[in-house]
Amino acid sequence: MSLKITRMTSELSRQDAVREAAASGIPSALADLGALVRIPSIAFPGFDSSQVWRCAEAVAELVRGIGLFETVEVRTAAVPGTTEQGNPAVLATRAARNGRPTILLYAHHDVQPAGDEALWESAPFEPTVRGGRLYGRGAADDKAGIMAHIAALRALKDAVGEDFDLGVALFFEGEEEAGSRSFARFLSDNADALRADVIVVADSGNWDEKTPALTVSLRGNTRFTMRVKTLEHASHSGMFGGAVPDAMMATVKLLSTLWDDEGAVAVEGLTERDADTPPYSEETLRDEAGLPEGVSPIGRGSILGRIWNKPSITVTGIDAPSVVNASNTLSPEVSVVISARIAPGQTARDACAAIEAHLHAHAPFGAQLEFSDHDFGDAFLVDTSGWAIAAAREALHEGYGVESVDIGVGGSIPFIADLVREFPGAQILVTGVEDPHAKAHSPNESLHLETFRNAVVSEALLLAKLDGRTADA
């Protein structure tokens, strides 16, 4: 009996030490996060790629500073089908010992462009604290994910020393926002270094700023460019308007067929998932999405069902004469970017084929359509029966002080399908530090500081739990 009590006391003391170390390390973690936010690591073509390399090197130095890893490198992989190398990723490894499992921690250090800086209340690449939040591009998505991993590892080391048995691998990607073009190749090139029993993808969100979540379903996505052509050349709208269709007219009519009068997707062949969702009010939707009074939501069914389990289609870009360059001219062609989210249960390629078939079938006036620049990412459903997700739920409860919830996400993390394919035996946990007001990808992106603190404590506790079990237990 005394041996059991002593062991339980020792384990509780260890968890308390980890918790205390994680909490005390938050100020330095936030300082390091601020330094990363100052680096405009945008991986899109047309931006300064040296900044992505600069950020990768800065992250690698932070990892080396932990003092736990046998190898820390900045690496690239080839983009399949091209002669290009992908953007730099940070790879670090520490081998497991004494039968302990290995955990792979993922996040990405590249960020979205700032967009119109006039819409930011403070400079996008100057970290600024206001109202309990840290503002800046990448402060939430996903440099905070990187720092949550680093801070949790620092806490584990501070609490139990560097001589623990848990295996750890880090993969901090540098092109997630730009499509992860070399991701699959990077996995295959570095499969031995990245192979793990548990994979934590810190690139999602929480139910709210106080309630942690595990993401158990993600919609897939497909994206492509459509060119609509109706004329061989531009013509005077006064001379021929009313007799020949211009490309803008044809494009507007064609795009309108993608949705019904309630705004629900009206494309035959796109599927829906039948699954229950928790209560979520229209008032909450308006608050979190910024939907003004007088503008109605779209679609049918429960609000979260529309976001998690049904397809959506969005026109995210258009090449046509700008307002400032408008003239009395019939446009011969227009190009648009169409982005679709795909319900779990349907492949992205099948969904894309259905959308293209719909567009061909509804092209008005014989408009000529061309499709190019396809991207595909399949949906993902987490197996919630494994021991790792049980340990994660415990750690989240202990770190936040409230029970975690399982959520779906309307967004996509396409590379998870690559992880599943390369490491089929791994248990995948999708976590994150964002809350519904983080405004990732938007002006005034921010990180809720208390959420970050709780996320770091939770992950540190999870690492300690995994260090206390065997890989096959």
Foldseek 3Di string as FASTA:
>chain_A
DVVVVVVVVVLVLLLVLLLVLLLVCLVVLVVLLLVLLLQQLAQAPPDDNVSLVVSQVSLLVLVVVLVQFPDWDWDWFDQPPDPDIGRTKIKTWDAAPDQFWEEEEEAASHWFDQPPQVPFPDGQSRWDDDPQWTWHTCQFRPSLSSSLVSSLSSSSCSRPNSPFGYIYMYIHHRCQVVFCRCVLVVCVVCVVRRATQAYEYAGDAAAFLQAFEWEFKEWKKKKWKKKWFFDPAKDFCVVCPPPGAFAVVLVVQLVVQQADPQRAGDFPQADWDDDDDDADDPVNVCVLVVPDPPDDDGDDDGPQSCQFTGKHKDFDDKDDDDPVRDDRMRHRMIMIMMMMTGGAPDFFVSVVVRVVVSSCVRRPPPIDMDIDDMDIAHMGGADCPDPLNVLLQVLLCVLSVHGHYYGHGSHGSRCVVSVCVSHVSHHYIYGYQHGSNQQGVHHGRIGNSSSSSSSSSSVSSSSSVSSVDGSVD
